[in-house]
Amino acid sequence: MFAHKPHHVHHTCYDKIQGCDLHEGEWGKVGTIVHWSYVHDGKAKKAKEVVEAVDPDKNLVTFRVIEGDLMEEYKSFVITIQVSPKSEGSGSVVHWTLEYEKLHGGIEHPETLLQFVQDVSKDIDGHLTQAS
């Protein structure tokens, strides 16, 4: 969903993700620029991201934040999402990797963002399992 249809994510967790718009390029292609509207820590936020990697064989997509609220506190912020099938039974495990460099030592680590992506993953899981 994040690699080829990120504009559908808000259907699964509309209270967290308000939208994802194509700014430049094509869905699912490296170099594509997308604009996210989301609610984090009770505040409406924005992020413009470039797709740095899409690997269908590894179920992996990587986004680099290039503009938006996160850039007020971080020099760089890269989000990698990888989905791996469970070794036993059905379903998958989602791994989110957040790589960032803070602007200065007074900036907190984005721990509430970890909870945010966990909640988004749970909402997507609920949507996908409900649909089947």
Protein backbone atom coordinates (compact mmCIF):
# COMPACT_ATOMS: atom_id res chain seq x y z
CA MET A 1 0.00 0.00 0.00
CA PHE A 2 2.77 2.49 0.87
CA ALA A 3 4.79 1.67 -2.24
CA HIS A 4 2.10 1.73 -4.94
CA LYS A 5 -1.04 3.19 -3.36
CA PRO A 6 -0.05 5.51 -0.53
CA HIS A 7 -3.01 7.71 -1.46
CA HIS A 8 -5.21 4.87 -0.12
CA VAL A 9 -3.61 4.83 3.35
CA HIS A 10 -5.96 7.51 4.67
CA HIS A 11 -8.92 5.19 4.01
CA THR A 12 -7.53 2.83 6.67
CA CYS A 13 -6.56 5.39 9.32
CA TYR A 14 -8.30 8.65 8.44
CA ASP A 15 -7.93 9.95 12.01
CA LYS A 16 -4.14 9.87 11.57
CA ILE A 17 -3.55 10.30 7.82
CA GLN A 18 -5.73 12.88 6.09
CA GLY A 19 -4.25 12.39 2.65
CA CYS A 20 -1.35 11.64 0.39
CA ASP A 21 -1.12 13.56 -2.87
CA LEU A 22 1.12 12.95 -5.84
CA HIS A 23 3.30 16.02 -6.27
CA GLU A 24 5.61 14.76 -9.01
CA GLY A 25 6.31 11.43 -10.74
CA GLU A 26 4.35 8.18 -10.68
CA TRP A 27 3.02 6.10 -7.78
CA GLY A 28 5.45 3.31 -6.92
CA LYS A 29 8.46 4.80 -8.72
CA VAL A 30 11.79 5.97 -7.29
CA GLY A 31 12.07 9.76 -7.48
CA THR A 32 8.35 10.32 -7.01
CA ILE A 33 7.46 13.16 -4.64
CA VAL A 34 4.42 12.81 -2.40
CA HIS A 35 2.80 15.23 0.02
CA TRP A 36 1.32 13.83 3.25
CA SER A 37 -1.24 15.48 5.54
CA TYR A 38 -1.42 13.83 8.95
CA VAL A 39 -2.21 14.36 12.62
CA HIS A 40 0.61 13.68 15.08
CA ASP A 41 0.56 14.57 18.77
CA GLY A 42 -2.88 16.12 18.25
CA LYS A 43 -1.63 18.61 15.63
CA ALA A 44 -2.19 18.78 11.87
CA LYS A 45 1.13 18.33 10.10
CA LYS A 46 2.55 18.11 6.59
CA ALA A 47 5.45 16.28 4.99
CA LYS A 48 6.81 16.28 1.47
CA GLU A 49 8.79 13.14 0.74
CA VAL A 50 10.74 11.70 -2.15
CA VAL A 51 10.61 7.96 -2.77
CA GLU A 52 14.20 6.75 -2.54
CA ALA A 53 13.66 3.00 -2.92
CA VAL A 54 10.95 0.58 -3.98
CA ASP A 55 11.82 -3.12 -3.86
CA PRO A 56 8.81 -5.36 -4.57
CA ASP A 57 10.88 -8.52 -3.95
CA LYS A 58 11.64 -7.36 -0.39
CA ASN A 59 8.27 -5.58 0.12
CA LEU A 60 10.25 -2.43 0.94
CA VAL A 61 9.77 1.27 0.34
CA THR A 62 11.94 4.16 1.54
CA PHE A 63 10.89 7.81 1.81
CA ARG A 64 13.16 10.80 2.50
CA VAL A 65 11.43 13.82 4.04
CA ILE A 66 12.42 16.93 2.10
CA GLU A 67 9.97 19.52 3.49
CA GLY A 68 7.47 19.86 6.28
CA ASP A 69 7.10 19.85 10.03
CA LEU A 70 9.80 17.25 10.71
CA MET A 71 12.39 19.47 9.02
CA GLU A 72 11.88 22.02 11.81
CA GLU A 73 13.69 19.65 14.20
CA TYR A 74 15.72 17.29 12.02
CA LYS A 75 18.45 17.83 9.42
CA SER A 76 17.42 14.61 7.73
CA PHE A 77 14.63 12.10 8.20
CA VAL A 78 14.33 8.83 6.27
CA ILE A 79 11.51 6.33 6.73
CA THR A 80 11.83 2.74 5.52
CA ILE A 81 8.91 0.34 5.64
CA GLN A 82 9.47 -3.36 5.05
CA VAL A 83 6.85 -6.09 5.27
CA SER A 84 7.95 -9.70 5.80
CA PRO A 85 5.69 -12.75 5.75
CA LYS A 86 5.51 -14.53 9.09
CA SER A 87 7.56 -17.73 9.19
CA GLU A 88 4.62 -19.63 10.65
CA GLY A 89 0.96 -19.10 9.90
CA SER A 90 -0.56 -16.36 7.85
CA GLY A 91 0.06 -12.65 7.99
CA SER A 92 3.12 -10.44 7.94
CA VAL A 93 5.37 -8.39 10.19
CA VAL A 94 5.94 -4.71 9.42
CA HIS A 95 9.31 -3.15 10.22
CA TRP A 96 9.55 0.64 10.30
CA THR A 97 13.01 2.16 10.35
CA LEU A 98 13.32 5.86 11.18
CA GLU A 99 16.76 7.30 10.44
CA TYR A 100 17.23 10.91 11.46
CA GLU A 101 19.71 13.55 12.41
CA LYS A 102 18.58 16.12 14.95
CA LEU A 103 19.26 19.81 14.33
CA HIS A 104 20.78 20.07 17.83
CA GLY A 105 21.05 18.17 21.10
CA GLY A 106 17.97 19.84 22.58
CA ILE A 107 15.67 18.06 20.14
CA GLU A 108 13.89 14.96 21.48
CA HIS A 109 14.08 11.60 19.78
CA PRO A 110 10.86 11.01 17.78
CA GLU A 111 9.45 8.42 20.20
CA THR A 112 5.85 9.55 19.75
CA LEU A 113 6.32 9.03 16.03
CA LEU A 114 7.11 5.36 16.74
CA GLN A 115 3.74 5.03 18.47
CA PHE A 116 2.14 6.83 15.52
CA VAL A 117 3.53 4.39 12.92
CA GLN A 118 2.60 1.44 15.13
CA ASP A 119 -0.98 2.73 15.32
CA VAL A 120 -1.05 3.28 11.53
CA SER A 121 0.17 -0.29 11.02
CA LYS A 122 -2.55 -1.64 13.32
CA ASP A 123 -5.21 0.33 11.46
CA ILE A 124 -3.99 -0.97 8.09
CA ASP A 125 -3.89 -4.52 9.48
CA GLY A 126 -7.47 -4.17 10.71
CA HIS A 127 -8.57 -2.85 7.32
CA LEU A 128 -6.83 -5.63 5.36
CA THR A 129 -8.00 -8.47 7.60
CA GLN A 130 -11.54 -7.11 7.64
CA ALA A 131 -11.57 -7.02 3.83
CA SER A 132 -10.67 -10.71 3.52
